[in-house]
Amino acid sequence: MANVGSILGGAFRLFKEQPVAIAIWTVVFALYGFASSGAALGGTSAQLADLEALRSGAISPLGMVGAFSLVILLALVFSAVMACAVYRVVLRPDERSFGGLRLGMDELRMMGLFLILIVAGIFLGLVVGLLLMLVFGGAIAATGGGGGTVLLIGILYFAMILACIYVGVRLSLIFPMTFVRKRIAIDEGWALTRGRFWTLFLVFLVVFVLMIILYLTAVAPFSGPFLGEMIQAMKNPEAMQSAQAQEAASLAAQPLTTMILLTVLGAIVQAIGHALNGGAAATAVREFLRDDGEVLDDDIEATAQIFE
């Protein structure tokens, strides 16, 4: 019977059973981090110049959209490959791959699923934002903007956060289910979490707390000031650009060894989080399907090997 302990145990077993795969993921995240750092250091001034050129009309908005779309596409490919890698080592451990990394139909389906969720998220965000504006406007008109309005807004925001958590947990298994079914399986992933919300919520809460502790210990001491500046500058695009430029200049002034250390530490934290989150989701799918009486393909293969 699946429970919080068995699902977390499956995720943590990856560190014992798949250390090579996790090491490979760490290297991949590190290479991605080095590439991102190089782009940030070399591209901040160019980005600011492009924004000025865009305002002056020297650069076509379509050109900027094309460049941005290319970045999004590359991020989708990277995310899909990494997601399928952790699902592969958990759900298809006998499938030949390099640390679970491949580029095939599984990854293409995962990209499609990501795109569906992105489009749906943008649409729902616009609808919810419009509804909240109408509700807040009506509340202000009815109460005159007093303390009752502030309380109502606080309650609505809290309810929205709870709704996001609920939907996020209910959707958390659609990714490994898509990998298992070899087709986009939003409905089956959603159905599999029915009656299991609190089990999954506690699993992901434990992983989240562990990752926060790890991040605060290993990464935050180096990036904390920059993150604080970015949060304060979120409502001011010019202030955000200035914070990014200052961070790039600060990174450029650091010794190469420090930059390498930061990138490697970040990659280690990312690989651990990737293994725990993805491993927990994949283990949950395996155990829930078993509880529902379904035998997975690798279970059949393992049984056949016993009797060979």
C-alpha atoms as a PDB file:
ATOM      1  CA  MET A   1       0.000   0.000   0.000  1.00  0.00           C
ATOM      2  CA  ALA A   2       1.479   3.310  -1.088  1.00  0.00           C
ATOM      3  CA  ASN A   3       2.144   5.850   1.648  1.00  0.00           C
ATOM      4  CA  VAL A   4       4.345   8.864   2.310  1.00  0.00           C
ATOM      5  CA  GLY A   5       7.240   6.744   3.558  1.00  0.00           C
ATOM      6  CA  SER A   6       7.240   4.303   0.654  1.00  0.00           C
ATOM      7  CA  ILE A   7       7.086   7.077  -1.953  1.00  0.00           C
ATOM      8  CA  LEU A   8       9.866   9.082  -0.323  1.00  0.00           C
ATOM      9  CA  GLY A   9      11.835   5.870   0.075  1.00  0.00           C
ATOM     10  CA  GLY A  10      11.591   5.247  -3.648  1.00  0.00           C
ATOM     11  CA  ALA A  11      12.878   8.743  -4.367  1.00  0.00           C
ATOM     12  CA  PHE A  12      15.805   8.460  -1.955  1.00  0.00           C
ATOM     13  CA  ARG A  13      16.705   5.001  -3.290  1.00  0.00           C
ATOM     14  CA  LEU A  14      17.790   6.711  -6.483  1.00  0.00           C
ATOM     15  CA  PHE A  15      20.897   7.949  -4.686  1.00  0.00           C
ATOM     16  CA  LYS A  16      21.819   4.342  -3.857  1.00  0.00           C
ATOM     17  CA  GLU A  17      20.671   2.600  -7.021  1.00  0.00           C
ATOM     18  CA  GLN A  18      21.335   5.268  -9.660  1.00  0.00           C
ATOM     19  CA  PRO A  19      24.381   7.271  -8.491  1.00  0.00           C
ATOM     20  CA  VAL A  20      25.837   7.343 -12.000  1.00  0.00           C
ATOM     21  CA  ALA A  21      22.631   8.809 -13.431  1.00  0.00           C
ATOM     22  CA  ILE A  22      22.522  11.499 -10.729  1.00  0.00           C
ATOM     23  CA  ALA A  23      26.181  12.307 -11.384  1.00  0.00           C
ATOM     24  CA  ILE A  24      25.387  12.666 -15.087  1.00  0.00           C
ATOM     25  CA  TRP A  25      22.454  14.971 -14.301  1.00  0.00           C
ATOM     26  CA  THR A  26      24.747  17.058 -12.114  1.00  0.00           C
ATOM     27  CA  VAL A  27      27.185  17.460 -14.999  1.00  0.00           C
ATOM     28  CA  VAL A  28      24.342  18.380 -17.381  1.00  0.00           C
ATOM     29  CA  PHE A  29      22.974  20.972 -14.957  1.00  0.00           C
ATOM     30  CA  ALA A  30      26.490  22.334 -14.484  1.00  0.00           C
ATOM     31  CA  LEU A  31      27.028  22.666 -18.245  1.00  0.00           C
ATOM     32  CA  TYR A  32      23.643  24.353 -18.532  1.00  0.00           C
ATOM     33  CA  GLY A  33      24.637  26.659 -15.685  1.00  0.00           C
ATOM     34  CA  PHE A  34      27.949  27.551 -17.329  1.00  0.00           C
ATOM     35  CA  ALA A  35      26.155  28.287 -20.600  1.00  0.00           C
ATOM     36  CA  SER A  36      23.565  30.415 -18.798  1.00  0.00           C
ATOM     37  CA  SER A  37      26.246  32.300 -16.865  1.00  0.00           C
ATOM     38  CA  GLY A  38      28.166  32.979 -20.064  1.00  0.00           C
ATOM     39  CA  ALA A  39      25.028  34.238 -21.760  1.00  0.00           C
ATOM     40  CA  ALA A  40      24.227  36.435 -18.766  1.00  0.00           C
ATOM     41  CA  LEU A  41      27.711  37.913 -18.585  1.00  0.00           C
ATOM     42  CA  GLY A  42      28.014  38.473 -22.310  1.00  0.00           C
ATOM     43  CA  GLY A  43      24.429  39.361 -23.000  1.00  0.00           C
ATOM     44  CA  THR A  44      23.333  41.800 -20.308  1.00  0.00           C
ATOM     45  CA  SER A  45      24.684  44.903 -21.989  1.00  0.00           C
ATOM     46  CA  ALA A  46      23.485  43.641 -25.365  1.00  0.00           C
ATOM     47  CA  GLN A  47      20.052  42.998 -23.891  1.00  0.00           C
ATOM     48  CA  LEU A  48      19.845  46.534 -22.545  1.00  0.00           C
ATOM     49  CA  ALA A  49      21.007  47.844 -25.902  1.00  0.00           C
ATOM     50  CA  ASP A  50      18.383  45.751 -27.669  1.00  0.00           C
ATOM     51  CA  LEU A  51      15.677  47.182 -25.421  1.00  0.00           C
ATOM     52  CA  GLU A  52      16.786  50.694 -26.285  1.00  0.00           C
ATOM     53  CA  ALA A  53      16.886  49.766 -29.977  1.00  0.00           C
ATOM     54  CA  LEU A  54      13.414  48.269 -29.679  1.00  0.00           C
ATOM     55  CA  ARG A  55      12.087  51.480 -28.125  1.00  0.00           C
ATOM     56  CA  SER A  56      13.665  53.533 -30.902  1.00  0.00           C
ATOM     57  CA  GLY A  57      12.362  51.211 -33.638  1.00  0.00           C
ATOM     58  CA  ALA A  58      15.797  50.050 -34.791  1.00  0.00           C
ATOM     59  CA  ILE A  59      14.884  46.424 -34.014  1.00  0.00           C
ATOM     60  CA  SER A  60      11.659  44.794 -35.143  1.00  0.00           C
ATOM     61  CA  PRO A  61       9.441  43.429 -32.368  1.00  0.00           C
ATOM     62  CA  LEU A  62       9.081  40.279 -34.484  1.00  0.00           C
ATOM     63  CA  GLY A  63      12.836  39.764 -34.266  1.00  0.00           C
ATOM     64  CA  MET A  64      12.723  39.982 -30.478  1.00  0.00           C
ATOM     65  CA  VAL A  65       9.768  37.592 -30.391  1.00  0.00           C
ATOM     66  CA  GLY A  66      11.673  35.140 -32.599  1.00  0.00           C
ATOM     67  CA  ALA A  67      14.736  35.224 -30.359  1.00  0.00           C
ATOM     68  CA  PHE A  68      12.585  34.808 -27.251  1.00  0.00           C
ATOM     69  CA  SER A  69      10.724  31.880 -28.868  1.00  0.00           C
ATOM     70  CA  LEU A  70      14.032  30.151 -29.610  1.00  0.00           C
ATOM     71  CA  VAL A  71      15.068  30.488 -25.957  1.00  0.00           C
ATOM     72  CA  ILE A  72      11.704  29.045 -24.853  1.00  0.00           C
ATOM     73  CA  LEU A  73      12.050  26.146 -27.291  1.00  0.00           C
ATOM     74  CA  LEU A  74      15.519  25.268 -26.028  1.00  0.00           C
ATOM     75  CA  ALA A  75      14.272  25.443 -22.434  1.00  0.00           C
ATOM     76  CA  LEU A  76      11.368  23.129 -23.319  1.00  0.00           C
ATOM     77  CA  VAL A  77      13.707  20.586 -24.917  1.00  0.00           C
ATOM     78  CA  PHE A  78      16.046  20.678 -21.923  1.00  0.00           C
ATOM     79  CA  SER A  79      13.182  20.351 -19.420  1.00  0.00           C
ATOM     80  CA  ALA A  80      11.559  17.484 -21.336  1.00  0.00           C
ATOM     81  CA  VAL A  81      14.819  15.542 -21.663  1.00  0.00           C
ATOM     82  CA  MET A  82      15.634  15.939 -17.967  1.00  0.00           C
ATOM     83  CA  ALA A  83      12.104  15.060 -16.836  1.00  0.00           C
ATOM     84  CA  CYS A  84      12.023  11.887 -18.929  1.00  0.00           C
ATOM     85  CA  ALA A  85      15.489  10.946 -17.665  1.00  0.00           C
ATOM     86  CA  VAL A  86      14.369  10.624 -14.047  1.00  0.00           C
ATOM     87  CA  TYR A  87      11.124   8.870 -15.045  1.00  0.00           C
ATOM     88  CA  ARG A  88      13.111   6.448 -17.203  1.00  0.00           C
ATOM     89  CA  VAL A  89      15.508   5.341 -14.463  1.00  0.00           C
ATOM     90  CA  VAL A  90      12.574   4.775 -12.083  1.00  0.00           C
ATOM     91  CA  LEU A  91       9.929   3.331 -14.394  1.00  0.00           C
ATOM     92  CA  ARG A  92      12.059   1.713 -17.099  1.00  0.00           C
ATOM     93  CA  PRO A  93      15.376   0.946 -15.400  1.00  0.00           C
ATOM     94  CA  ASP A  94      16.285  -1.706 -18.002  1.00  0.00           C
ATOM     95  CA  GLU A  95      15.902   0.666 -20.943  1.00  0.00           C
ATOM     96  CA  ARG A  96      19.304   1.478 -22.408  1.00  0.00           C
ATOM     97  CA  SER A  97      20.239   5.132 -22.037  1.00  0.00           C
ATOM     98  CA  PHE A  98      22.976   7.441 -20.799  1.00  0.00           C
ATOM     99  CA  GLY A  99      21.787   8.269 -17.312  1.00  0.00           C
ATOM    100  CA  GLY A 100      18.217   8.113 -18.599  1.00  0.00           C
ATOM    101  CA  LEU A 101      18.969  10.823 -21.159  1.00  0.00           C
ATOM    102  CA  ARG A 102      17.517  10.306 -24.606  1.00  0.00           C
ATOM    103  CA  LEU A 103      15.748  12.331 -27.277  1.00  0.00           C
ATOM    104  CA  GLY A 104      12.777  10.532 -28.773  1.00  0.00           C
ATOM    105  CA  MET A 105       9.018  10.316 -28.739  1.00  0.00           C
ATOM    106  CA  ASP A 106       8.834  10.319 -24.931  1.00  0.00           C
ATOM    107  CA  GLU A 107      10.588  13.683 -24.867  1.00  0.00           C
ATOM    108  CA  LEU A 108       8.444  15.060 -27.700  1.00  0.00           C
ATOM    109  CA  ARG A 109       5.285  14.079 -25.854  1.00  0.00           C
ATOM    110  CA  MET A 110       6.613  15.715 -22.696  1.00  0.00           C
ATOM    111  CA  MET A 111       7.308  18.910 -24.649  1.00  0.00           C
ATOM    112  CA  GLY A 112       3.753  18.813 -25.962  1.00  0.00           C
ATOM    113  CA  LEU A 113       2.412  18.395 -22.442  1.00  0.00           C
ATOM    114  CA  PHE A 114       4.504  21.337 -21.220  1.00  0.00           C
ATOM    115  CA  LEU A 115       3.171  23.506 -24.060  1.00  0.00           C
ATOM    116  CA  ILE A 116      -0.432  22.546 -23.272  1.00  0.00           C
ATOM    117  CA  LEU A 117       0.032  23.484 -19.621  1.00  0.00           C
ATOM    118  CA  ILE A 118       1.787  26.751 -20.485  1.00  0.00           C
ATOM    119  CA  VAL A 119      -1.018  27.840 -22.828  1.00  0.00           C
ATOM    120  CA  ALA A 120      -3.693  26.707 -20.366  1.00  0.00           C
ATOM    121  CA  GLY A 121      -1.889  28.483 -17.518  1.00  0.00           C
ATOM    122  CA  ILE A 122      -1.682  31.747 -19.456  1.00  0.00           C
ATOM    123  CA  PHE A 123      -5.373  31.557 -20.368  1.00  0.00           C
ATOM    124  CA  LEU A 124      -6.490  30.685 -16.841  1.00  0.00           C
ATOM    125  CA  GLY A 125      -4.204  33.354 -15.420  1.00  0.00           C
ATOM    126  CA  LEU A 126      -5.843  35.997 -17.581  1.00  0.00           C
ATOM    127  CA  VAL A 127      -9.342  34.788 -16.674  1.00  0.00           C
ATOM    128  CA  VAL A 128      -8.581  34.590 -12.945  1.00  0.00           C
ATOM    129  CA  GLY A 129      -6.838  37.969 -13.039  1.00  0.00           C
ATOM    130  CA  LEU A 130      -9.887  39.550 -14.694  1.00  0.00           C
ATOM    131  CA  LEU A 131     -12.229  37.965 -12.169  1.00  0.00           C
ATOM    132  CA  LEU A 132     -10.090  39.155  -9.253  1.00  0.00           C
ATOM    133  CA  MET A 133     -10.061  42.683 -10.650  1.00  0.00           C
ATOM    134  CA  LEU A 134     -13.837  42.637 -10.883  1.00  0.00           C
ATOM    135  CA  VAL A 135     -14.179  41.233  -7.355  1.00  0.00           C
ATOM    136  CA  PHE A 136     -11.694  43.707  -5.878  1.00  0.00           C
ATOM    137  CA  GLY A 137     -13.324  46.573  -7.732  1.00  0.00           C
ATOM    138  CA  GLY A 138     -16.739  45.580  -6.468  1.00  0.00           C
ATOM    139  CA  ALA A 139     -15.428  45.174  -2.914  1.00  0.00           C
ATOM    140  CA  ILE A 140     -13.809  48.608  -2.952  1.00  0.00           C
ATOM    141  CA  ALA A 141     -16.966  50.175  -4.359  1.00  0.00           C
ATOM    142  CA  ALA A 142     -19.119  48.460  -1.733  1.00  0.00           C
ATOM    143  CA  THR A 143     -16.947  49.124   1.304  1.00  0.00           C
ATOM    144  CA  GLY A 144     -15.240  52.357   0.334  1.00  0.00           C
ATOM    145  CA  GLY A 145     -11.796  50.794   0.567  1.00  0.00           C
ATOM    146  CA  GLY A 146     -11.784  50.299   4.329  1.00  0.00           C
ATOM    147  CA  GLY A 147     -10.416  47.541   6.511  1.00  0.00           C
ATOM    148  CA  GLY A 148     -13.086  45.152   5.266  1.00  0.00           C
ATOM    149  CA  THR A 149     -11.691  45.403   1.757  1.00  0.00           C
ATOM    150  CA  VAL A 150      -8.177  44.619   2.929  1.00  0.00           C
ATOM    151  CA  LEU A 151      -9.471  41.577   4.813  1.00  0.00           C
ATOM    152  CA  LEU A 152     -11.451  40.388   1.799  1.00  0.00           C
ATOM    153  CA  ILE A 153      -8.447  40.770  -0.489  1.00  0.00           C
ATOM    154  CA  GLY A 154      -6.292  38.844   1.966  1.00  0.00           C
ATOM    155  CA  ILE A 155      -8.841  36.025   2.163  1.00  0.00           C
ATOM    156  CA  LEU A 156      -9.118  35.838  -1.628  1.00  0.00           C
ATOM    157  CA  TYR A 157      -5.354  35.724  -2.089  1.00  0.00           C
ATOM    158  CA  PHE A 158      -5.056  32.998   0.536  1.00  0.00           C
ATOM    159  CA  ALA A 159      -7.836  31.029  -1.160  1.00  0.00           C
ATOM    160  CA  MET A 160      -6.078  31.445  -4.501  1.00  0.00           C
ATOM    161  CA  ILE A 161      -2.821  30.102  -3.040  1.00  0.00           C
ATOM    162  CA  LEU A 162      -4.654  27.080  -1.615  1.00  0.00           C
ATOM    163  CA  ALA A 163      -6.351  26.492  -4.972  1.00  0.00           C
ATOM    164  CA  CYS A 164      -2.989  26.618  -6.764  1.00  0.00           C
ATOM    165  CA  ILE A 165      -1.514  24.109  -4.318  1.00  0.00           C
ATOM    166  CA  TYR A 166      -4.488  21.792  -4.768  1.00  0.00           C
ATOM    167  CA  VAL A 167      -4.383  21.934  -8.563  1.00  0.00           C
ATOM    168  CA  GLY A 168      -0.589  21.568  -8.567  1.00  0.00           C
ATOM    169  CA  VAL A 169      -0.718  18.404  -6.464  1.00  0.00           C
ATOM    170  CA  ARG A 170      -3.575  16.953  -8.518  1.00  0.00           C
ATOM    171  CA  LEU A 171      -1.621  17.606 -11.720  1.00  0.00           C
ATOM    172  CA  SER A 172       1.718  16.385 -10.361  1.00  0.00           C
ATOM    173  CA  LEU A 173       1.371  12.859 -11.755  1.00  0.00           C
ATOM    174  CA  ILE A 174       0.321  13.742 -15.302  1.00  0.00           C
ATOM    175  CA  PHE A 175       3.998  13.910 -16.319  1.00  0.00           C
ATOM    176  CA  PRO A 176       5.096  10.409 -15.242  1.00  0.00           C
ATOM    177  CA  MET A 177       1.708   9.045 -16.361  1.00  0.00           C
ATOM    178  CA  THR A 178       2.328  10.493 -19.820  1.00  0.00           C
ATOM    179  CA  PHE A 179       5.688   8.732 -19.778  1.00  0.00           C
ATOM    180  CA  VAL A 180       4.102   5.427 -18.685  1.00  0.00           C
ATOM    181  CA  ARG A 181       1.198   5.521 -21.146  1.00  0.00           C
ATOM    182  CA  LYS A 182       3.326   6.813 -24.031  1.00  0.00           C
ATOM    183  CA  ARG A 183       0.641   9.367 -24.797  1.00  0.00           C
ATOM    184  CA  ILE A 184      -0.462  12.597 -23.168  1.00  0.00           C
ATOM    185  CA  ALA A 185      -2.440  11.391 -20.137  1.00  0.00           C
ATOM    186  CA  ILE A 186      -3.750  14.454 -18.330  1.00  0.00           C
ATOM    187  CA  ASP A 187      -7.051  12.768 -17.465  1.00  0.00           C
ATOM    188  CA  GLU A 188      -5.439   9.588 -16.134  1.00  0.00           C
ATOM    189  CA  GLY A 189      -2.837  11.514 -14.160  1.00  0.00           C
ATOM    190  CA  TRP A 190      -5.566  13.611 -12.560  1.00  0.00           C
ATOM    191  CA  ALA A 191      -7.704  10.541 -11.824  1.00  0.00           C
ATOM    192  CA  LEU A 192      -4.767   8.689 -10.253  1.00  0.00           C
ATOM    193  CA  THR A 193      -4.453  11.374  -7.561  1.00  0.00           C
ATOM    194  CA  ARG A 194      -8.124  11.141  -6.565  1.00  0.00           C
ATOM    195  CA  GLY A 195      -8.322  10.314  -2.860  1.00  0.00           C
ATOM    196  CA  ARG A 196      -4.539  10.595  -2.566  1.00  0.00           C
ATOM    197  CA  PHE A 197      -4.123  14.342  -2.301  1.00  0.00           C
ATOM    198  CA  TRP A 198      -2.828  14.426   1.257  1.00  0.00           C
ATOM    199  CA  THR A 199      -0.323  11.634   0.663  1.00  0.00           C
ATOM    200  CA  LEU A 200       1.148  13.485  -2.314  1.00  0.00           C
ATOM    201  CA  PHE A 201       0.958  16.848  -0.566  1.00  0.00           C
ATOM    202  CA  LEU A 202       2.982  15.573   2.388  1.00  0.00           C
ATOM    203  CA  VAL A 203       5.521  13.930   0.055  1.00  0.00           C
ATOM    204  CA  PHE A 204       6.135  17.108  -1.909  1.00  0.00           C
ATOM    205  CA  LEU A 205       6.078  19.213   1.264  1.00  0.00           C
ATOM    206  CA  VAL A 206       8.893  17.118   2.752  1.00  0.00           C
ATOM    207  CA  VAL A 207      10.899  17.415  -0.469  1.00  0.00           C
ATOM    208  CA  PHE A 208      10.247  21.158  -0.602  1.00  0.00           C
ATOM    209  CA  VAL A 209      11.415  21.694   2.986  1.00  0.00           C
ATOM    210  CA  LEU A 210      14.531  19.598   2.409  1.00  0.00           C
ATOM    211  CA  MET A 211      15.385  21.550  -0.749  1.00  0.00           C
ATOM    212  CA  ILE A 212      14.852  24.895   1.009  1.00  0.00           C
ATOM    213  CA  ILE A 213      17.265  23.806   3.744  1.00  0.00           C
ATOM    214  CA  LEU A 214      19.796  22.624   1.169  1.00  0.00           C
ATOM    215  CA  TYR A 215      19.454  25.814  -0.863  1.00  0.00           C
ATOM    216  CA  LEU A 216      19.821  28.062   2.177  1.00  0.00           C
ATOM    217  CA  THR A 217      22.904  26.116   3.214  1.00  0.00           C
ATOM    218  CA  ALA A 218      24.701  25.798  -0.121  1.00  0.00           C
ATOM    219  CA  VAL A 219      23.520  28.538  -2.496  1.00  0.00           C
ATOM    220  CA  ALA A 220      21.677  31.344  -0.719  1.00  0.00           C
ATOM    221  CA  PRO A 221      24.762  32.762   1.066  1.00  0.00           C
ATOM    222  CA  PHE A 222      26.141  33.647  -2.382  1.00  0.00           C
ATOM    223  CA  SER A 223      22.979  34.661  -4.271  1.00  0.00           C
ATOM    224  CA  GLY A 224      20.786  35.983  -1.458  1.00  0.00           C
ATOM    225  CA  PRO A 225      21.555  39.706  -1.915  1.00  0.00           C
ATOM    226  CA  PHE A 226      20.828  39.545  -5.657  1.00  0.00           C
ATOM    227  CA  LEU A 227      17.538  37.700  -5.111  1.00  0.00           C
ATOM    228  CA  GLY A 228      16.495  40.318  -2.576  1.00  0.00           C
ATOM    229  CA  GLU A 229      17.209  43.114  -5.051  1.00  0.00           C
ATOM    230  CA  MET A 230      15.279  41.296  -7.798  1.00  0.00           C
ATOM    231  CA  ILE A 231      12.239  40.821  -5.548  1.00  0.00           C
ATOM    232  CA  GLN A 232      12.242  44.500  -4.610  1.00  0.00           C
ATOM    233  CA  ALA A 233      12.623  45.512  -8.274  1.00  0.00           C
ATOM    234  CA  MET A 234       9.865  43.256  -9.660  1.00  0.00           C
ATOM    235  CA  LYS A 235       7.414  46.156 -10.024  1.00  0.00           C
ATOM    236  CA  ASN A 236       9.959  48.385 -11.746  1.00  0.00           C
ATOM    237  CA  PRO A 237      11.365  47.095 -15.078  1.00  0.00           C
ATOM    238  CA  GLU A 238      14.169  49.671 -15.111  1.00  0.00           C
ATOM    239  CA  ALA A 239      15.194  48.753 -11.567  1.00  0.00           C
ATOM    240  CA  MET A 240      15.162  45.070 -12.529  1.00  0.00           C
ATOM    241  CA  GLN A 241      17.405  45.745 -15.541  1.00  0.00           C
ATOM    242  CA  SER A 242      19.740  47.709 -13.310  1.00  0.00           C
ATOM    243  CA  ALA A 243      19.837  44.865 -10.753  1.00  0.00           C
ATOM    244  CA  GLN A 244      20.599  42.364 -13.514  1.00  0.00           C
ATOM    245  CA  ALA A 245      23.391  44.554 -14.866  1.00  0.00           C
ATOM    246  CA  GLN A 246      24.883  44.983 -11.390  1.00  0.00           C
ATOM    247  CA  GLU A 247      24.726  41.225 -10.775  1.00  0.00           C
ATOM    248  CA  ALA A 248      26.410  40.527 -14.119  1.00  0.00           C
ATOM    249  CA  ALA A 249      29.142  43.036 -13.297  1.00  0.00           C
ATOM    250  CA  SER A 250      29.551  41.483  -9.855  1.00  0.00           C
ATOM    251  CA  LEU A 251      29.833  37.992 -11.342  1.00  0.00           C
ATOM    252  CA  ALA A 252      32.327  39.189 -13.938  1.00  0.00           C
ATOM    253  CA  ALA A 253      34.488  40.674 -11.188  1.00  0.00           C
ATOM    254  CA  GLN A 254      34.604  37.405  -9.246  1.00  0.00           C
ATOM    255  CA  PRO A 255      37.518  34.992  -9.655  1.00  0.00           C
ATOM    256  CA  LEU A 256      36.919  32.187 -12.120  1.00  0.00           C
ATOM    257  CA  THR A 257      37.283  29.611  -9.363  1.00  0.00           C
ATOM    258  CA  THR A 258      34.455  31.250  -7.403  1.00  0.00           C
ATOM    259  CA  MET A 259      32.155  31.225 -10.424  1.00  0.00           C
ATOM    260  CA  ILE A 260      32.948  27.567 -11.070  1.00  0.00           C
ATOM    261  CA  LEU A 261      32.278  26.714  -7.424  1.00  0.00           C
ATOM    262  CA  LEU A 262      28.913  28.526  -7.459  1.00  0.00           C
ATOM    263  CA  THR A 263      27.852  26.845 -10.684  1.00  0.00           C
ATOM    264  CA  VAL A 264      28.833  23.404  -9.446  1.00  0.00           C
ATOM    265  CA  LEU A 265      27.062  23.921  -6.110  1.00  0.00           C
ATOM    266  CA  GLY A 266      23.948  25.057  -7.948  1.00  0.00           C
ATOM    267  CA  ALA A 267      24.135  22.028 -10.248  1.00  0.00           C
ATOM    268  CA  ILE A 268      24.437  19.652  -7.288  1.00  0.00           C
ATOM    269  CA  VAL A 269      21.388  21.213  -5.611  1.00  0.00           C
ATOM    270  CA  GLN A 270      19.431  21.054  -8.883  1.00  0.00           C
ATOM    271  CA  ALA A 271      20.333  17.414  -9.465  1.00  0.00           C
ATOM    272  CA  ILE A 272      19.292  16.461  -5.938  1.00  0.00           C
ATOM    273  CA  GLY A 273      16.000  18.322  -6.274  1.00  0.00           C
ATOM    274  CA  HIS A 274      15.417  16.790  -9.693  1.00  0.00           C
ATOM    275  CA  ALA A 275      15.993  13.289  -8.353  1.00  0.00           C
ATOM    276  CA  LEU A 276      13.759  13.808  -5.323  1.00  0.00           C
ATOM    277  CA  ASN A 277      10.855  15.535  -7.084  1.00  0.00           C
ATOM    278  CA  GLY A 278      10.884  13.409 -10.208  1.00  0.00           C
ATOM    279  CA  GLY A 279      11.695  10.253  -8.309  1.00  0.00           C
ATOM    280  CA  ALA A 280       8.837  10.844  -5.872  1.00  0.00           C
ATOM    281  CA  ALA A 281       6.329  11.470  -8.679  1.00  0.00           C
ATOM    282  CA  ALA A 282       7.461   8.419 -10.648  1.00  0.00           C
ATOM    283  CA  THR A 283       7.455   6.211  -7.534  1.00  0.00           C
ATOM    284  CA  ALA A 284       3.960   7.444  -6.660  1.00  0.00           C
ATOM    285  CA  VAL A 285       2.696   6.485 -10.125  1.00  0.00           C
ATOM    286  CA  ARG A 286       4.264   3.032  -9.848  1.00  0.00           C
ATOM    287  CA  GLU A 287       2.839   2.358  -6.375  1.00  0.00           C
ATOM    288  CA  PHE A 288      -0.607   3.815  -7.047  1.00  0.00           C
ATOM    289  CA  LEU A 289      -0.961   1.744 -10.232  1.00  0.00           C
ATOM    290  CA  ARG A 290       0.098  -1.351  -8.328  1.00  0.00           C
ATOM    291  CA  ASP A 291      -2.469  -0.580  -5.627  1.00  0.00           C
ATOM    292  CA  ASP A 292      -5.069  -0.306  -8.395  1.00  0.00           C
ATOM    293  CA  GLY A 293      -4.100  -3.761  -9.651  1.00  0.00           C
ATOM    294  CA  GLU A 294      -2.058  -2.773 -12.710  1.00  0.00           C
ATOM    295  CA  VAL A 295       1.224  -4.514 -13.509  1.00  0.00           C
ATOM    296  CA  LEU A 296       3.793  -2.332 -15.267  1.00  0.00           C
ATOM    297  CA  ASP A 297       5.923  -3.538 -18.150  1.00  0.00           C
ATOM    298  CA  ASP A 298       9.164  -3.647 -16.146  1.00  0.00           C
ATOM    299  CA  ASP A 299       7.417  -5.717 -13.446  1.00  0.00           C
ATOM    300  CA  ILE A 300       6.579  -8.303 -16.104  1.00  0.00           C
ATOM    301  CA  GLU A 301      10.172  -8.260 -17.369  1.00  0.00           C
ATOM    302  CA  ALA A 302      11.552  -8.657 -13.839  1.00  0.00           C
ATOM    303  CA  THR A 303       9.212 -11.606 -13.162  1.00  0.00           C
ATOM    304  CA  ALA A 304      10.211 -13.253 -16.440  1.00  0.00           C
ATOM    305  CA  GLN A 305      13.892 -12.936 -15.553  1.00  0.00           C
ATOM    306  CA  ILE A 306      13.303 -14.782 -12.272  1.00  0.00           C
ATOM    307  CA  PHE A 307      11.956 -17.833 -14.096  1.00  0.00           C
ATOM    308  CA  GLU A 308      14.561 -17.863 -16.854  1.00  0.00           C
END
